[in-house]
Protein backbone atom coordinates (compact mmCIF):
# COMPACT_ATOMS: atom_id res chain seq x y z
CA MET A 1 4.91 23.11 -12.46
CA ARG A 2 6.96 26.28 -12.15
CA ARG A 3 9.76 27.31 -9.90
CA ASP A 4 9.19 30.32 -7.70
CA ASN A 5 11.66 32.56 -9.53
CA ASN A 6 13.98 32.58 -12.52
CA LYS A 7 17.14 33.65 -10.73
CA GLU A 8 20.21 31.44 -10.77
CA ARG A 9 20.87 30.23 -7.26
CA PHE A 10 22.72 27.61 -5.28
CA ALA A 11 21.79 23.98 -5.97
CA ARG A 12 22.57 21.13 -3.62
CA PRO A 13 25.09 18.92 -5.47
CA PRO A 14 24.40 15.17 -5.80
CA ALA A 15 25.89 13.26 -2.87
CA VAL A 16 25.57 9.67 -4.10
CA ALA A 17 25.96 9.98 -7.89
CA GLY A 18 28.44 7.37 -9.06
CA ARG A 19 27.61 5.16 -6.07
CA PHE A 20 23.85 4.65 -5.83
CA TYR A 21 23.33 5.46 -9.51
CA SER A 22 25.40 6.36 -12.55
CA GLY A 23 27.44 9.53 -12.17
CA THR A 24 27.29 10.94 -15.70
CA GLU A 25 24.30 12.28 -17.59
CA LYS A 26 24.67 9.84 -20.49
CA ASP A 27 25.08 6.75 -18.32
CA LEU A 28 22.32 7.79 -15.94
CA ARG A 29 19.84 8.34 -18.77
CA GLN A 30 20.64 4.90 -20.14
CA GLU A 31 20.36 3.32 -16.71
CA VAL A 32 16.96 4.86 -15.96
CA ASP A 33 15.66 4.17 -19.48
CA GLN A 34 16.53 0.51 -19.02
CA LEU A 35 14.80 0.35 -15.63
CA PHE A 36 11.59 1.80 -17.04
CA THR A 37 11.69 -0.70 -19.91
CA HIS A 38 11.01 -3.51 -17.43
CA ALA A 39 8.71 -1.57 -15.08
CA VAL A 40 5.21 -2.70 -14.10
CA ALA A 41 2.60 -1.16 -16.40
CA HIS A 42 0.55 1.88 -15.39
CA THR A 43 -2.70 0.93 -13.59
CA GLY A 44 -4.66 3.89 -14.96
CA HIS A 45 -5.60 5.48 -11.63
CA ARG A 46 -4.79 9.06 -10.64
CA VAL A 47 -1.87 8.72 -8.24
CA ARG A 48 -1.80 10.93 -5.15
CA ALA A 49 1.25 9.41 -3.47
CA LEU A 50 3.94 6.79 -3.98
CA ILE A 51 5.98 4.67 -1.58
CA VAL A 52 9.33 4.04 -3.25
CA PRO A 53 12.61 2.32 -2.21
CA HIS A 54 15.86 4.25 -2.07
CA ALA A 55 18.73 1.78 -2.31
CA GLY A 56 21.28 1.62 -5.10
CA TYR A 57 19.66 1.20 -8.48
CA VAL A 58 21.30 -2.20 -9.02
CA PHE A 59 19.21 -3.45 -6.09
CA SER A 60 15.99 -1.40 -5.90
CA GLY A 61 15.98 0.58 -9.15
CA GLY A 62 13.58 -1.78 -10.89
CA VAL A 63 11.01 -1.57 -8.09
CA ALA A 64 11.40 2.22 -7.96
CA ALA A 65 10.82 2.47 -11.71
CA SER A 66 7.63 0.39 -11.32
CA ALA A 67 6.41 2.85 -8.70
CA PHE A 68 7.09 5.93 -10.81
CA ASN A 69 5.68 4.21 -13.90
CA GLN A 70 2.26 4.55 -12.25
CA LEU A 71 2.39 8.30 -12.89
CA ASN A 72 0.62 9.75 -15.87
CA ARG A 73 3.15 11.59 -18.02
CA LYS A 74 0.52 14.24 -18.72
CA SER A 75 -0.26 14.91 -15.05
CA ASN A 76 0.55 18.51 -14.24
CA TYR A 77 1.37 18.29 -10.56
CA LYS A 78 1.95 21.73 -9.11
CA ARG A 79 4.41 20.48 -6.50
CA ILE A 80 6.06 17.21 -5.58
CA PHE A 81 6.54 16.69 -1.85
CA LEU A 82 9.54 14.39 -1.46
CA ILE A 83 9.66 12.92 2.05
CA GLY A 84 12.19 10.61 3.66
CA SER A 85 13.37 9.71 7.16
CA SER A 86 16.81 10.89 8.25
CA HIS A 87 19.62 8.35 7.97
CA ARG A 88 22.36 10.66 9.23
CA ILE A 89 21.47 13.21 11.88
CA PRO A 90 18.78 13.47 14.58
CA ILE A 91 16.05 16.07 14.04
CA SER A 92 13.24 16.88 16.44
CA GLY A 93 10.63 17.28 13.71
CA ALA A 94 11.19 17.66 9.98
CA ALA A 95 13.94 19.50 8.10
CA VAL A 96 12.89 21.60 5.11
CA TYR A 97 15.35 22.53 2.38
CA THR A 98 15.05 26.28 1.73
CA GLU A 99 18.53 27.39 0.64
CA GLY A 100 18.41 26.57 -3.06
CA ASP A 101 17.55 23.79 -5.50
CA TYR A 102 18.51 20.13 -5.93
CA ARG A 103 20.86 18.92 -8.67
CA THR A 104 21.53 15.51 -10.27
CA PRO A 105 23.57 14.60 -13.38
CA LEU A 106 20.31 15.13 -15.32
CA GLY A 107 20.07 18.80 -14.32
CA THR A 108 18.72 21.09 -11.62
CA VAL A 109 15.37 20.50 -9.98
CA PRO A 110 13.72 23.69 -8.65
CA VAL A 111 12.72 23.79 -4.99
CA ASP A 112 9.73 25.71 -3.65
CA SER A 113 11.70 27.63 -1.02
CA GLU A 114 8.83 29.97 -0.29
CA LEU A 115 6.55 27.13 0.77
CA GLY A 116 9.36 25.66 2.85
CA LYS A 117 9.82 28.95 4.67
CA GLU A 118 6.07 29.19 5.18
CA LEU A 119 6.05 25.80 6.91
CA VAL A 120 8.92 26.82 9.17
CA THR A 121 7.23 30.10 10.08
CA ALA A 122 3.77 28.61 10.64
CA HIS A 123 5.00 25.62 12.66
CA PRO A 124 8.12 26.61 14.62
CA GLY A 125 9.84 23.62 16.17
CA LEU A 126 7.93 21.17 14.00
CA PHE A 127 9.71 22.26 10.82
CA THR A 128 13.23 23.69 10.67
CA ALA A 129 15.26 25.10 7.78
CA ASN A 130 18.12 22.63 8.10
CA SER A 131 20.20 22.21 4.95
CA HIS A 132 22.72 20.04 6.80
CA ALA A 133 20.08 17.32 7.16
CA HIS A 134 19.76 17.27 3.36
CA SER A 135 23.40 17.61 2.30
CA GLY A 136 24.35 13.92 2.49
CA GLU A 137 20.90 12.32 2.69
CA HIS A 138 20.48 9.80 -0.13
CA SER A 139 16.82 8.84 0.38
CA LEU A 140 15.48 11.92 -1.42
CA GLU A 141 18.22 12.33 -4.00
CA VAL A 142 17.86 8.88 -5.57
CA GLN A 143 14.20 9.55 -6.43
CA LEU A 144 14.95 12.59 -8.57
CA PRO A 145 16.33 10.91 -11.73
CA PHE A 146 13.09 8.93 -12.01
CA LEU A 147 11.01 12.10 -11.76
CA GLN A 148 13.31 13.84 -14.23
CA HIS A 149 12.88 10.94 -16.63
CA ILE A 150 9.11 11.50 -16.61
CA TYR A 151 8.77 15.27 -16.26
CA GLY A 152 12.23 16.64 -17.08
CA ASN A 153 13.11 19.51 -14.79
CA LYS A 154 9.65 21.07 -15.03
CA ILE A 155 8.81 20.14 -11.48
CA LEU A 156 8.67 22.11 -8.25
CA LEU A 157 10.07 20.19 -5.31
CA VAL A 158 9.33 20.38 -1.59
CA PRO A 159 12.05 18.23 0.07
CA LEU A 160 11.42 17.12 3.68
CA VAL A 161 13.58 14.96 5.92
CA ILE A 162 11.77 13.60 8.98
CA GLY A 163 13.93 13.03 12.04
CA THR A 164 11.46 12.37 14.84
CA PHE A 165 10.83 8.91 16.27
CA LYS A 166 7.51 9.88 17.84
CA ALA A 167 4.23 8.87 16.23
CA SER A 168 2.51 11.89 17.75
CA VAL A 169 4.95 14.22 15.98
CA CYS A 170 4.35 12.40 12.70
CA ARG A 171 0.66 13.10 13.10
CA GLU A 172 1.36 16.77 13.71
CA ILE A 173 3.51 16.86 10.56
CA ALA A 174 0.59 15.29 8.67
CA ARG A 175 -1.77 17.94 10.06
CA ALA A 176 0.56 20.68 8.88
CA LEU A 177 0.94 19.16 5.39
CA ALA A 178 -2.73 18.27 4.95
CA PRO A 179 -3.69 21.56 3.25
CA TRP A 180 -1.33 20.61 0.41
CA PHE A 181 -2.42 16.97 0.15
CA THR A 182 -4.67 17.77 -2.78
CA LYS A 183 -5.19 16.59 -6.34
CA GLU A 184 -2.73 19.15 -7.67
CA ASN A 185 0.24 17.85 -5.65
CA LEU A 186 2.12 14.53 -5.53
CA PHE A 187 3.65 13.03 -2.38
CA VAL A 188 6.61 10.66 -2.77
CA ILE A 189 7.56 8.70 0.35
CA SER A 190 11.05 7.18 0.34
CA THR A 191 11.64 3.98 2.32
CA ASP A 192 13.10 0.51 2.15
CA PHE A 193 11.53 -2.36 4.06
CA SER A 194 13.30 -5.09 6.07
CA HIS A 195 17.03 -4.75 6.68
CA TYR A 196 19.36 -7.76 6.87
CA PRO A 197 17.21 -10.83 7.58
CA SER A 198 17.51 -13.90 5.38
CA TYR A 199 15.83 -13.94 1.97
CA LYS A 200 12.95 -16.11 3.21
CA ASP A 201 12.41 -14.10 6.39
CA ALA A 202 12.46 -10.85 4.42
CA ILE A 203 9.65 -11.99 2.14
CA ALA A 204 7.44 -12.91 5.11
CA THR A 205 8.29 -9.82 7.16
CA ASP A 206 7.85 -7.44 4.24
CA ALA A 207 4.47 -8.99 3.41
CA ARG A 208 3.23 -8.31 6.95
CA THR A 209 4.48 -4.74 6.84
CA LYS A 210 3.01 -4.16 3.40
CA ASP A 211 -0.39 -5.49 4.50
CA ALA A 212 -0.32 -3.12 7.46
CA ILE A 213 0.30 -0.20 5.11
CA LEU A 214 -2.49 -1.33 2.78
CA SER A 215 -4.88 -1.17 5.74
CA ASN A 216 -4.51 2.64 5.69
CA ASN A 217 -4.46 2.46 9.48
CA PRO A 218 -1.55 4.05 11.41
CA ASP A 219 -2.33 2.01 14.53
CA ILE A 220 -2.09 -1.26 12.62
CA LEU A 221 1.24 -0.24 11.09
CA LEU A 222 2.67 0.63 14.51
CA GLN A 223 1.36 -2.66 15.92
CA VAL A 224 2.92 -4.73 13.13
CA LEU A 225 6.24 -2.93 13.41
CA ASP A 226 6.28 -3.73 17.12
CA GLU A 227 5.40 -7.35 16.42
CA ASN A 228 8.17 -7.63 13.84
CA GLU A 229 10.66 -6.25 16.32
CA SER A 230 9.49 -8.60 19.07
CA ALA A 231 9.63 -11.68 16.84
CA SER A 232 13.43 -12.03 17.23
CA ILE A 233 13.90 -12.58 13.49
CA PRO A 234 17.61 -13.36 12.93
CA GLY A 235 19.47 -10.41 11.43
CA LEU A 236 16.47 -8.07 11.33
CA ASP A 237 17.59 -4.54 12.14
CA THR A 238 14.40 -2.76 11.07
CA SER A 239 11.34 -3.77 9.10
CA LEU A 240 10.74 -0.28 7.66
CA CYS A 241 13.60 2.20 7.76
CA GLY A 242 11.38 5.11 6.74
CA TRP A 243 8.53 4.19 9.06
CA THR A 244 8.03 7.76 10.27
CA SER A 245 7.59 8.97 6.68
CA VAL A 246 5.13 6.18 5.86
CA LEU A 247 3.28 6.79 9.12
CA THR A 248 2.94 10.47 8.21
CA LEU A 249 1.39 9.45 4.88
CA LEU A 250 -1.05 7.11 6.62
CA TYR A 251 -2.15 9.93 8.89
CA LEU A 252 -2.70 12.05 5.79
CA THR A 253 -4.75 9.48 3.88
CA GLN A 254 -6.71 8.08 6.81
CA GLU A 255 -7.53 11.36 8.44
CA GLN A 256 -7.44 13.81 5.57
CA HIS A 257 -8.74 17.12 6.86
CA THR A 258 -8.39 19.66 4.06
CA ASN A 259 -11.22 21.95 3.18
CA GLY A 260 -11.67 20.20 -0.18
CA SER A 261 -10.12 23.00 -2.22
CA SER A 262 -6.63 23.67 -3.51
CA GLU A 263 -6.18 26.56 -1.07
CA PRO A 264 -4.57 25.87 2.30
CA VAL A 265 -6.78 26.20 5.35
CA SER A 266 -5.55 28.12 8.34
CA GLN A 267 -3.60 26.37 11.06
CA GLU A 268 -6.31 27.23 13.56
CA SER A 269 -9.17 25.80 11.49
CA ALA A 270 -7.25 22.62 10.66
CA THR A 271 -6.24 22.01 14.26
CA ALA A 272 -9.74 22.69 15.52
CA ARG A 273 -11.19 19.72 13.69
CA THR A 274 -11.13 17.04 16.36
CA PRO A 275 -11.64 14.26 15.57
CA LEU A 276 -10.29 14.65 12.07
CA ALA A 277 -12.89 14.16 9.36
CA THR A 278 -12.13 12.14 6.25
CA GLN A 279 -13.32 13.97 3.16
CA GLU A 280 -11.63 11.85 0.52
CA SER A 281 -11.14 8.11 0.14
CA PHE A 282 -7.87 6.52 -0.88
CA MET A 283 -6.64 3.04 -1.56
CA TYR A 284 -3.12 1.71 -1.30
CA VAL A 285 -2.24 -0.39 -4.35
CA PRO A 286 0.75 -2.77 -4.18
CA ILE A 287 2.77 -2.56 -7.39
CA GLU A 288 5.90 -4.72 -7.08
CA TYR A 289 8.12 -6.42 -4.52
CA LYS A 290 11.73 -7.55 -4.61
CA ASN A 291 14.62 -7.67 -2.22
CA SER A 292 18.34 -7.30 -2.67
CA GLY A 293 18.69 -11.07 -2.89
CA ASP A 294 16.98 -10.86 -6.29
CA ALA A 295 19.79 -8.74 -7.77
CA PRO A 296 21.33 -10.96 -10.48
CA LEU A 297 24.96 -9.96 -9.90
CA TYR A 298 25.14 -9.06 -6.23
CA GLY A 299 22.22 -10.87 -4.65
CA ASP A 300 23.16 -12.23 -1.21
CA LYS A 301 20.43 -14.48 0.18
CA GLU A 302 21.76 -14.45 3.74
CA GLN A 303 21.34 -10.73 4.51
CA VAL A 304 18.90 -8.82 2.34
CA VAL A 305 17.00 -5.53 2.21
CA GLY A 306 13.36 -5.52 1.07
CA TYR A 307 11.73 -3.15 -1.41
CA TRP A 308 8.05 -2.47 -2.07
CA ALA A 309 6.51 -0.11 -4.61
CA ILE A 310 3.07 1.05 -3.47
CA ALA A 311 0.78 3.64 -5.06
CA VAL A 312 -1.90 5.65 -3.28
CA THR A 313 -4.80 6.37 -5.58
CA GLU A 314 -8.19 7.97 -5.37
CA LYS A 315 -11.09 5.58 -4.95
CA ARG A 316 -13.32 5.94 -7.95
CA ALA A 317 -17.03 5.26 -7.91
CA ASP A 318 -16.85 3.20 -11.09
CA SER A 319 -14.35 0.86 -9.44
CA GLU A 320 -17.21 -0.46 -7.31
CA LYS A 321 -19.25 -1.53 -10.34
CA THR A 322 -17.03 -4.29 -11.67
CA LEU A 323 -19.10 -7.26 -12.78
CA PHE A 324 -17.87 -10.83 -13.12
CA SER A 325 -19.20 -12.98 -15.91
CA PRO A 326 -20.63 -16.41 -15.04
CA GLN A 327 -17.75 -17.91 -17.01
CA ALA A 328 -15.20 -16.06 -14.87
CA GLU A 329 -16.84 -17.20 -11.63
CA THR A 330 -17.05 -20.79 -12.86
CA LEU A 331 -13.37 -20.68 -13.71
CA LEU A 332 -12.50 -19.36 -10.25
CA LYS A 333 -14.44 -22.20 -8.60
CA ASP A 334 -12.72 -24.74 -10.84
CA LEU A 335 -9.34 -23.29 -9.93
CA ALA A 336 -10.22 -23.47 -6.24
CA ARG A 337 -11.37 -27.08 -6.41
CA ASN A 338 -8.37 -28.15 -8.46
CA ALA A 339 -6.01 -26.45 -6.00
CA ILE A 340 -7.55 -28.40 -3.12
CA ARG A 341 -7.39 -31.63 -5.09
CA GLN A 342 -3.75 -31.09 -6.00
CA ALA A 343 -2.98 -30.37 -2.37
CA LEU A 344 -4.47 -33.76 -1.55
CA GLU A 345 -1.93 -35.24 -3.95
CA GLU A 346 -4.46 -36.77 -6.25
CA SER A 347 -3.87 -37.41 -9.92
CA GLU A 348 -4.69 -34.88 -12.65
CA ALA A 349 -8.27 -33.69 -12.12
CA ASP A 350 -9.33 -33.12 -15.70
CA ASP A 351 -12.95 -33.75 -14.81
CA PHE A 352 -12.82 -30.69 -12.56
CA LEU A 353 -11.30 -28.35 -15.12
CA PRO A 354 -13.11 -26.30 -17.78
CA GLN A 355 -12.90 -27.89 -21.19
CA ASP A 356 -13.06 -24.62 -23.13
CA PRO A 357 -9.45 -23.90 -24.21
CA MET A 358 -10.02 -20.18 -23.65
CA GLN A 359 -10.54 -21.02 -19.98
CA ASN A 360 -7.74 -23.54 -19.56
CA PRO A 361 -6.38 -23.03 -16.02
CA GLN A 362 -2.93 -24.00 -17.27
CA ASP A 363 -2.84 -20.91 -19.50
CA PRO A 364 -3.46 -17.82 -17.30
CA LYS A 365 -2.90 -15.49 -20.26
CA GLN A 366 -6.28 -16.63 -21.55
CA TYR A 367 -8.14 -15.76 -18.35
CA PRO A 368 -10.62 -12.84 -18.38
CA PRO A 369 -8.99 -9.48 -17.48
CA GLU A 370 -10.80 -9.21 -14.12
CA LEU A 371 -9.04 -12.36 -12.90
CA HIS A 372 -5.66 -10.66 -13.26
CA LYS A 373 -6.58 -7.75 -10.98
CA PRO A 374 -5.53 -7.76 -7.29
CA TYR A 375 -8.97 -7.94 -5.72
CA GLY A 376 -9.47 -9.13 -2.17
CA ALA A 377 -11.52 -12.29 -1.89
CA PHE A 378 -12.77 -15.04 0.45
CA VAL A 379 -13.24 -18.72 -0.30
CA THR A 380 -16.01 -20.43 1.70
CA LEU A 381 -16.33 -24.22 1.80
CA LYS A 382 -19.54 -25.98 2.80
CA GLN A 383 -20.45 -29.64 3.31
CA ASN A 384 -24.15 -30.56 3.39
CA ASN A 385 -24.91 -26.82 3.57
CA ARG A 386 -22.83 -26.46 6.73
CA LEU A 387 -19.68 -24.32 6.98
CA ARG A 388 -16.52 -26.38 6.41
CA GLY A 389 -13.93 -23.59 6.16
CA CYS A 390 -13.63 -19.93 5.22
CA ILE A 391 -10.46 -17.90 4.72
CA GLY A 392 -9.64 -14.86 2.62
CA ARG A 393 -7.95 -11.50 2.39
CA ILE A 394 -9.53 -8.06 2.46
CA VAL A 395 -6.83 -6.66 0.15
CA SER A 396 -4.43 -8.47 -2.12
CA ASP A 397 -1.18 -7.84 -3.97
CA ILE A 398 -1.49 -10.81 -6.35
CA PRO A 399 -3.87 -11.56 -9.24
CA LEU A 400 -7.30 -12.79 -8.23
CA TYR A 401 -6.86 -16.20 -9.84
CA LYS A 402 -3.75 -16.85 -7.73
CA LEU A 403 -5.37 -15.58 -4.54
CA ILE A 404 -8.37 -17.87 -5.00
CA GLN A 405 -6.13 -20.93 -5.30
CA GLU A 406 -4.18 -19.96 -2.16
CA MET A 407 -7.29 -19.18 -0.13
CA ALA A 408 -9.01 -22.39 -1.24
CA VAL A 409 -6.12 -24.46 0.10
CA ALA A 410 -6.03 -22.35 3.26
CA ALA A 411 -9.78 -22.78 3.85
CA ALA A 412 -9.53 -26.54 3.28
CA PHE A 413 -6.55 -27.21 5.50
CA TYR A 414 -5.72 -24.24 7.72
CA ASP A 415 -8.99 -22.96 9.14
CA ASP A 416 -8.32 -23.91 12.76
CA ARG A 417 -12.03 -24.29 13.48
CA PHE A 418 -12.14 -27.48 11.42
CA LEU A 419 -10.14 -30.60 10.69
CA PRO A 420 -8.47 -30.65 7.25
CA VAL A 421 -10.66 -31.62 4.33
CA SER A 422 -10.29 -35.28 3.31
CA ARG A 423 -10.28 -36.83 -0.16
CA GLU A 424 -13.63 -38.41 0.57
CA GLU A 425 -15.23 -35.05 1.24
CA LEU A 426 -14.02 -33.32 -1.89
CA PRO A 427 -16.73 -34.50 -4.35
CA GLY A 428 -19.51 -33.14 -2.12
CA LEU A 429 -17.74 -29.93 -1.19
CA THR A 430 -19.55 -26.71 -2.15
CA ILE A 431 -17.28 -23.77 -2.96
CA GLU A 432 -18.43 -20.16 -2.64
CA ILE A 433 -16.24 -17.27 -3.75
CA THR A 434 -16.76 -13.70 -2.63
CA VAL A 435 -14.74 -11.09 -4.52
CA LEU A 436 -14.57 -7.93 -2.48
CA SER A 437 -15.04 -4.31 -3.40
CA THR A 438 -12.71 -1.73 -1.88
CA LEU A 439 -13.35 -0.76 1.73
CA LYS A 440 -15.46 2.27 2.59
CA LYS A 441 -15.23 3.76 6.08
CA ILE A 442 -18.59 4.73 7.49
CA LYS A 443 -19.63 7.46 9.89
CA SER A 444 -22.92 5.83 10.89
CA ILE A 445 -24.03 2.22 11.17
CA ASN A 446 -27.15 3.32 9.30
CA GLU A 447 -25.03 3.06 6.16
CA ILE A 448 -24.89 -0.74 6.57
CA GLU A 449 -27.39 -2.70 4.49
CA LEU A 450 -27.82 -6.20 5.89
CA GLY A 451 -27.29 -8.83 3.23
CA LYS A 452 -25.53 -6.39 0.92
CA HIS A 453 -22.61 -5.16 3.01
CA GLY A 454 -19.86 -7.03 4.77
CA ILE A 455 -18.13 -5.30 7.67
CA LEU A 456 -14.61 -4.83 8.96
CA ILE A 457 -14.31 -3.73 12.60
CA GLU A 458 -10.90 -2.45 13.77
CA ASP A 459 -9.62 -1.14 17.08
CA ARG A 460 -6.41 -1.39 19.13
CA GLY A 461 -4.66 -3.49 16.53
CA ARG A 462 -7.49 -6.04 16.39
CA ALA A 463 -9.85 -6.68 13.52
CA GLY A 464 -12.87 -8.80 12.69
CA VAL A 465 -14.64 -9.44 9.38
CA PHE A 466 -18.07 -10.71 8.39
CA LEU A 467 -18.99 -11.32 4.76
CA PRO A 468 -22.31 -9.92 3.47
CA GLN A 469 -24.01 -13.31 3.41
CA VAL A 470 -23.49 -13.87 7.15
CA ALA A 471 -26.38 -11.57 8.04
CA THR A 472 -28.68 -13.31 5.56
CA GLU A 473 -27.77 -16.83 6.69
CA THR A 474 -28.11 -16.07 10.41
CA GLY A 475 -31.09 -13.72 10.31
CA TRP A 476 -29.30 -11.40 12.73
CA THR A 477 -30.39 -7.86 13.36
CA LEU A 478 -27.91 -5.06 12.64
CA GLU A 479 -26.91 -4.88 16.30
CA GLU A 480 -26.37 -8.67 16.42
CA PHE A 481 -24.35 -8.52 13.21
CA LEU A 482 -22.08 -5.86 14.74
CA GLY A 483 -21.99 -7.45 18.18
CA HIS A 484 -21.00 -10.91 16.98
CA CYS A 485 -18.32 -9.52 14.70
CA SER A 486 -16.95 -7.29 17.45
CA ARG A 487 -16.95 -10.02 20.12
CA ASP A 488 -16.42 -13.27 18.21
CA LYS A 489 -14.15 -12.07 15.41
CA ALA A 490 -12.28 -9.00 16.67
CA GLY A 491 -12.19 -9.92 20.37
CA LEU A 492 -13.35 -6.43 21.35
CA GLY A 493 -16.43 -7.40 23.33
CA TRP A 494 -20.08 -7.20 22.35
CA ASP A 495 -20.18 -3.38 22.43
CA GLY A 496 -16.63 -2.86 21.20
CA TRP A 497 -17.85 -1.78 17.77
CA LYS A 498 -19.28 1.40 19.28
CA ASN A 499 -15.79 2.87 19.71
CA ALA A 500 -14.15 1.06 16.81
CA ARG A 501 -13.47 1.93 13.19
CA ILE A 502 -16.05 0.31 10.90
CA SER A 503 -15.67 -0.16 7.16
CA ILE A 504 -18.09 -1.78 4.72
CA PHE A 505 -17.68 -3.62 1.45
CA HIS A 506 -19.81 -5.64 -0.92
CA ALA A 507 -19.37 -8.60 -3.21
CA LEU A 508 -18.40 -7.63 -6.74
CA ASN A 509 -19.50 -11.00 -8.08
CA ALA A 510 -22.91 -10.99 -6.37
């Protein structure tokens, strides 16, 4: 990554050094080094975007380091688009910094002023050259020491502060930025999550918001934010302070409309594509969660701020080919049964647990690697070959072995279609586990293979899911499969699927 010229020029001075992070080069290097020491390990995927918190490092620095630790040190990103929502002044669209560079105690970070000016010229009113919006804004500044730790000052920055509160404007910003949302550039989205609820309420609220983001659906995010606001959660001021920045990213990843090359398309050709056509597939990967109540020295459990680290990666074809060994699937079923039995407050269920010490459920470190990955999964319970409960999650932020235990208990006791499972039923209970592949949005229902693909139907904030085996067990035609899911699961009516968003998945352990 190169700056656009070699001339010495003005650099925006750090506004929160010494407050949000250490104010001297030596202390800041030590602080960031320490944060990376405890960061979540790199997942191995090519990262296209990050969602990162922006509070003081004593509170959110560890989560931020886990986000940036997902970057490959050898990745040669041409530009880094750093995007945050304004905390200080109102802006009609987005403010671009074009008057110089950015500086931290670790040195000066070059800014691509030419690209900033190009955005302002090509989209008047949507982008403005407003240095005042950047001068005291902390949400962008606090990300830079992490990037400098990884890449030094050999980066080229495009700093954007979003000021609008209109979803439609966020989508227009996404349209304008889409030509640069390519493999050669990185997008960093700066946001904290819930502000000022209790510790317990923050965990629940932030989980809902995170799941909405993982859906890669702007409408679902907006719906969940509205629901959070309407829930009258004590102390909650906002559930996502940078929601406009995150929404812009969702519009980019859900409705990516570049021409597939590294060269920008014209404004006319990009705007003319209606509806927008997805040409790349992305997945949102949860990395780490904490809130300010977890800070060892200053953690206040009464009023907290939540922090999520989330990576946006490219979906890879080989990620759909993961196979589960029979031993791994047996272990998952044993974990599910034991979780149900423990929930029934029975004694130790050694007869239900694997006897091989390498598969001892009390020692997760010995589990096969695939059980530690955050796959989505469903647990289905049957009694005398009849459905007795089925609950799961399309995406997950916890290891598979933990999710299976949670979903087993949920299917046994919290599927509102059935009474809770009794102790007497447990010995004859059949447990089926379906580990899900990543979702793939389809353009035609002809892509659905009955018996192989499960479906997710989404529209107007509603969603319905059928697992692949539903079509086989019922003998439904494709239209019946879609109609029942649309009407009975999503509440959209029998023909609601025709105007809805449809995604498919398959069972990785089939």
